[in-house]
Protein backbone atom coordinates (compact mmCIF):
# COMPACT_ATOMS: atom_id res chain seq x y z
CA MET A 1 30.97 23.85 124.33
CA THR A 2 33.13 26.99 124.32
CA ILE A 3 31.37 30.33 124.81
CA LEU A 4 33.09 33.49 123.60
CA VAL A 5 32.41 36.66 125.59
CA THR A 6 33.20 39.90 123.80
CA GLY A 7 33.51 43.05 125.86
CA ALA A 8 34.67 40.67 128.58
CA THR A 9 36.21 43.36 130.79
CA GLY A 10 33.18 45.65 130.59
CA ASN A 11 30.41 46.21 133.12
CA VAL A 12 28.20 43.45 131.72
CA GLY A 13 30.81 41.23 130.08
CA ARG A 14 32.69 40.63 133.32
CA HIS A 15 29.48 39.42 134.96
CA VAL A 16 28.78 37.15 131.97
CA VAL A 17 32.25 35.63 132.35
CA ASP A 18 31.84 35.10 136.09
CA GLN A 19 28.38 33.57 135.83
CA LEU A 20 29.34 31.23 133.00
CA LEU A 21 32.32 30.04 135.04
CA ARG A 22 30.11 29.38 138.05
CA ALA A 23 27.81 27.38 135.78
CA GLY A 24 30.76 25.20 134.81
CA ARG A 25 31.01 26.44 131.23
CA ARG A 26 34.17 26.76 129.16
CA VAL A 27 34.73 30.50 128.69
CA ARG A 28 36.88 32.36 126.20
CA ALA A 29 37.17 36.11 126.75
CA LEU A 30 37.91 38.57 123.96
CA THR A 31 39.79 41.74 124.86
CA ARG A 32 42.03 44.22 123.10
CA ASN A 33 44.74 43.77 125.72
CA PRO A 34 44.88 40.38 127.47
CA ALA A 35 47.79 41.55 129.67
CA THR A 36 45.57 44.02 131.52
CA ALA A 37 42.31 42.05 131.49
CA LYS A 38 42.53 40.72 135.09
CA LEU A 39 39.96 38.01 134.43
CA PRO A 40 39.40 35.00 136.72
CA GLU A 41 41.49 31.86 136.64
CA GLY A 42 39.99 29.32 134.28
CA VAL A 43 39.10 31.85 131.58
CA GLU A 44 40.90 31.57 128.26
CA VAL A 45 41.80 35.17 127.43
CA VAL A 46 42.43 35.98 123.76
CA ALA A 47 43.30 39.17 121.91
CA GLY A 48 40.92 40.60 119.34
CA ASP A 49 39.07 43.73 118.26
CA LEU A 50 35.50 43.69 116.93
CA SER A 51 36.28 46.76 114.84
CA GLU A 52 39.00 44.72 113.08
CA PRO A 53 37.29 41.45 112.06
CA ALA A 54 40.50 39.92 110.71
CA SER A 55 41.67 39.64 114.31
CA LEU A 56 38.70 37.48 115.33
CA ALA A 57 39.26 34.19 113.50
CA PRO A 58 41.51 32.62 116.18
CA ALA A 59 39.13 33.68 118.95
CA LEU A 60 36.16 32.07 117.20
CA ALA A 61 37.80 28.68 116.59
CA GLY A 62 35.73 25.99 118.28
CA VAL A 63 33.16 28.46 119.65
CA THR A 64 29.51 27.40 119.60
CA ALA A 65 27.94 30.39 121.39
CA MET A 66 28.89 34.06 121.71
CA HIS A 67 27.94 37.07 123.79
CA LEU A 68 28.35 39.98 121.41
CA ILE A 69 28.54 43.69 122.13
CA THR A 70 27.28 45.82 119.25
CA PHE A 71 29.29 48.98 119.96
CA ASP A 72 32.94 49.90 119.77
CA GLY A 73 34.43 49.74 123.25
CA ALA A 74 36.87 52.52 122.36
CA ASP A 75 34.34 55.31 121.77
CA GLY A 76 30.86 53.83 122.19
CA THR A 77 29.82 54.21 118.55
CA ALA A 78 27.87 51.44 116.82
CA LEU A 79 30.16 48.86 115.25
CA ARG A 80 30.12 48.92 111.46
CA THR A 81 31.61 45.48 111.05
CA GLY A 82 28.48 43.40 111.62
CA PRO A 83 28.48 41.53 108.29
CA GLU A 84 32.13 40.50 108.68
CA ILE A 85 31.64 39.38 112.30
CA VAL A 86 28.60 37.30 111.34
CA ARG A 87 30.38 35.70 108.39
CA LEU A 88 33.32 34.67 110.56
CA ALA A 89 31.02 33.38 113.29
CA GLU A 90 29.03 31.22 110.89
CA GLU A 91 32.20 29.88 109.28
CA ALA A 92 33.52 28.95 112.73
CA GLY A 93 30.37 27.03 113.60
CA VAL A 94 28.85 29.46 116.09
CA ARG A 95 25.17 28.61 116.56
CA ARG A 96 23.86 30.90 119.29
CA VAL A 97 24.42 34.63 119.94
CA THR A 98 23.28 37.17 122.51
CA MET A 99 23.54 40.81 121.43
CA LEU A 100 23.93 43.61 123.96
CA TRP A 101 21.98 46.54 122.52
CA SER A 102 23.82 49.82 121.87
CA GLY A 103 20.63 51.89 122.00
CA GLU A 104 19.87 51.61 118.31
CA ARG A 105 19.41 48.89 115.74
CA GLY A 106 22.80 49.13 114.07
CA PRO A 107 24.87 47.14 111.57
CA VAL A 108 25.63 44.30 113.98
CA GLU A 109 21.99 43.79 114.93
CA ARG A 110 20.87 43.84 111.31
CA ALA A 111 23.55 41.39 110.21
CA VAL A 112 22.84 38.96 113.04
CA GLU A 113 19.08 39.09 112.50
CA ALA A 114 19.57 38.34 108.78
CA SER A 115 21.84 35.37 109.52
CA GLY A 116 21.13 31.75 110.33
CA LEU A 117 22.30 32.22 113.92
CA GLU A 118 20.02 31.67 116.90
CA TRP A 119 20.07 35.21 118.29
CA THR A 120 18.68 36.91 121.36
CA ALA A 121 18.68 40.71 121.70
CA LEU A 122 19.26 42.17 125.16
CA GLN A 123 17.93 45.72 125.58
CA PRO A 124 18.76 47.12 129.04
CA VAL A 125 17.18 50.52 129.64
CA GLU A 126 20.15 51.95 131.59
CA PHE A 127 22.97 50.41 133.61
CA MET A 128 23.09 50.97 137.36
CA ALA A 129 26.87 51.12 136.88
CA ASN A 130 26.48 54.50 135.18
CA ALA A 131 26.41 55.84 138.74
CA LEU A 132 30.12 54.99 138.99
CA GLY A 133 30.61 58.17 136.97
CA TRP A 134 29.76 60.01 140.20
CA ALA A 135 32.56 58.39 142.19
CA ASP A 136 35.20 61.12 141.83
CA SER A 137 32.92 63.99 142.80
CA VAL A 138 31.36 62.02 145.65
CA ARG A 139 34.77 61.15 147.06
CA SER A 140 36.27 64.62 146.72
CA GLU A 141 33.27 66.93 147.20
CA GLY A 142 30.32 64.90 148.41
CA VAL A 143 28.25 65.98 145.42
CA VAL A 144 26.62 64.53 142.30
CA ARG A 145 26.15 66.76 139.24
CA GLU A 146 23.65 65.53 136.66
CA PRO A 147 20.97 67.01 134.36
CA PHE A 148 17.28 66.13 134.14
CA ALA A 149 16.33 66.04 137.82
CA ASP A 150 12.77 64.84 137.30
CA VAL A 151 13.39 62.14 134.71
CA ARG A 152 12.91 58.62 136.00
CA GLY A 153 14.78 55.54 134.83
CA ALA A 154 14.13 51.86 135.55
CA VAL A 155 17.87 51.20 135.86
CA VAL A 156 19.00 47.58 135.74
CA HIS A 157 21.85 45.82 137.52
CA GLU A 158 24.59 44.60 135.17
CA ALA A 159 24.58 41.20 136.88
CA ASP A 160 20.92 40.81 135.92
CA ILE A 161 21.66 41.64 132.29
CA ALA A 162 24.40 39.02 132.42
CA ALA A 163 22.09 36.47 134.03
CA VAL A 164 19.61 36.82 131.18
CA ALA A 165 22.49 36.52 128.68
CA VAL A 166 23.72 33.33 130.34
CA ARG A 167 20.25 31.79 130.21
CA ALA A 168 19.93 32.65 126.52
CA LEU A 169 23.39 31.28 125.76
CA THR A 170 22.93 28.00 127.60
CA GLU A 171 19.21 27.19 127.32
CA ASP A 172 16.81 26.58 124.46
CA GLY A 173 13.77 28.74 123.91
CA HIS A 174 15.28 32.20 123.51
CA ALA A 175 16.00 32.33 119.77
CA GLY A 176 14.57 35.43 118.10
CA ALA A 177 13.59 37.05 121.40
CA GLU A 178 14.11 40.74 122.12
CA TYR A 179 14.31 41.22 125.87
CA VAL A 180 13.82 44.69 127.31
CA LEU A 181 15.51 44.59 130.72
CA SER A 182 14.70 46.86 133.66
CA GLY A 183 15.27 46.95 137.36
CA PRO A 184 12.38 46.64 139.84
CA GLU A 185 11.78 50.40 140.26
CA ALA A 186 11.97 53.65 138.31
CA LEU A 187 14.12 56.24 140.08
CA THR A 188 15.06 59.90 139.60
CA VAL A 189 18.67 61.02 139.98
CA ALA A 190 17.85 62.54 143.36
CA GLU A 191 16.37 59.25 144.57
CA LYS A 192 19.46 57.34 143.45
CA VAL A 193 21.68 59.87 145.20
CA GLY A 194 19.64 59.39 148.38
CA ILE A 195 20.00 55.62 148.18
CA LEU A 196 23.73 55.91 147.62
CA SER A 197 24.00 58.34 150.52
CA SER A 198 22.31 55.81 152.79
CA ALA A 199 24.70 53.07 151.68
CA LEU A 200 27.69 55.31 152.39
CA GLY A 201 26.30 56.56 155.68
CA ARG A 202 26.93 60.22 154.87
CA PRO A 203 25.12 63.01 153.00
CA ILE A 204 25.62 63.59 149.28
CA ASP A 205 24.43 66.81 147.62
CA TYR A 206 22.82 66.90 144.18
CA THR A 207 23.37 69.77 141.73
CA GLU A 208 21.37 69.81 138.50
CA LEU A 209 23.34 70.56 135.33
CA SER A 210 21.97 72.25 132.22
CA MET A 211 21.78 70.21 129.05
CA GLU A 212 24.71 72.12 127.57
CA GLN A 213 26.84 71.57 130.67
CA ALA A 214 26.10 67.86 130.50
CA ARG A 215 26.99 67.75 126.81
CA GLU A 216 30.30 69.56 127.35
CA ARG A 217 31.21 67.20 130.17
CA LEU A 218 30.62 64.13 128.02
CA LEU A 219 32.59 65.57 125.11
CA ALA A 220 35.50 66.21 127.47
CA THR A 221 35.70 62.45 128.18
CA GLY A 222 36.55 61.83 124.52
CA ALA A 223 33.19 60.36 123.56
CA ALA A 224 32.21 60.81 119.93
CA ALA A 225 29.87 63.74 119.26
CA GLU A 226 27.21 61.43 117.79
CA VAL A 227 27.27 59.30 120.94
CA VAL A 228 27.05 62.37 123.18
CA ASP A 229 24.08 63.76 121.23
CA PHE A 230 22.31 60.39 121.40
CA VAL A 231 22.90 59.98 125.14
CA ILE A 232 21.85 63.53 126.02
CA GLY A 233 18.78 63.39 123.79
CA TRP A 234 17.76 60.01 125.18
CA HIS A 235 18.00 61.19 128.79
CA ALA A 236 16.23 64.48 128.07
CA ASP A 237 13.23 62.74 126.52
CA PRO A 238 13.46 59.01 127.15
CA PRO A 239 11.06 56.55 125.55
CA PRO A 240 8.46 54.95 127.83
CA SER A 241 10.55 51.78 127.96
CA ALA A 242 13.24 53.71 129.86
CA TYR A 243 11.02 54.28 132.89
CA THR A 244 8.66 51.32 132.65
CA VAL A 245 9.37 48.45 135.02
CA VAL A 246 9.07 45.10 133.24
CA PRO A 247 9.30 41.59 134.76
CA THR A 248 11.69 40.17 132.16
CA VAL A 249 14.63 39.59 134.49
CA GLU A 250 12.54 37.64 136.98
CA ARG A 251 10.72 35.73 134.25
CA ILE A 252 13.94 34.59 132.56
CA THR A 253 16.20 34.09 135.58
CA ARG A 254 13.47 32.93 137.97
CA ARG A 255 14.50 35.32 140.72
CA PRO A 256 13.70 39.00 141.45
CA ALA A 257 15.69 41.74 139.75
CA ARG A 258 18.30 43.42 141.96
CA THR A 259 17.52 46.87 143.37
CA PHE A 260 19.65 50.00 143.16
CA ALA A 261 20.08 49.74 146.93
CA GLN A 262 21.73 46.34 146.43
CA TRP A 263 23.98 47.79 143.73
CA ALA A 264 24.96 50.69 146.01
CA GLU A 265 25.88 48.35 148.87
CA GLU A 266 27.98 46.23 146.52
CA ASN A 267 29.86 49.26 145.19
CA VAL A 268 30.41 51.35 148.32
CA GLU A 269 34.19 51.09 148.08
CA ALA A 270 34.21 52.90 144.72
CA PHE A 271 32.87 56.02 146.47
CA LEU A 272 35.18 55.98 149.50
CA LEU A 273 38.44 57.86 149.84
CA SER A 274 41.37 55.45 149.65
């Protein structure tokens, strides 16, 4: 049984690869540039681009299950190639798919749901790894700049998202499920900054940005305007699911969801001066 992991070098995909390997599974990793992937020994790394379905046929050969991102890794926009990806997957004999939600029900989700594939939708509320965006300012200035000081989020560890994906890819009983995934607590930005400060053993200041400042900063990274507007709007007025703690991770993986404090301890080096 070969499992294809798309987005294999991303925050979640890398954890999916690692956990599948530890479970003794045969893993094939899809990436735009295999030469720079730096994936573990034992992974079959193949070139391919979900936005160019013609490139996927070799990667899908012999694959029976697939972890599928639903957004373009280049700019974060929803992939428009869902029907072509699904057709190629079915022709290759893929039976089971996990879909990592992009924040909306886009072309990939609709195509997979309409197919004969056994699919599971993974809907994380917000990645803990988004805090890595603070690394430069924490290292150089000891400050975090973010909008929406009072908005809480039940952020989830990427390894927990991956753990649910691995269960769905390798076990029966998950077909047709839509799993909303949260961490074990809902935190404000200031609370996350405090936790990170404790992990680093030094103070970190927090400066609240205006909505327009936050939008301009995201646009400067090269993100598409539609993605920026979605992200800013979502954080300004998140749905209840964004700050509601749910037990899905523990129910599916049979162990407690990781805390932000655990994530901070694991990622201390990213915030230290080299």
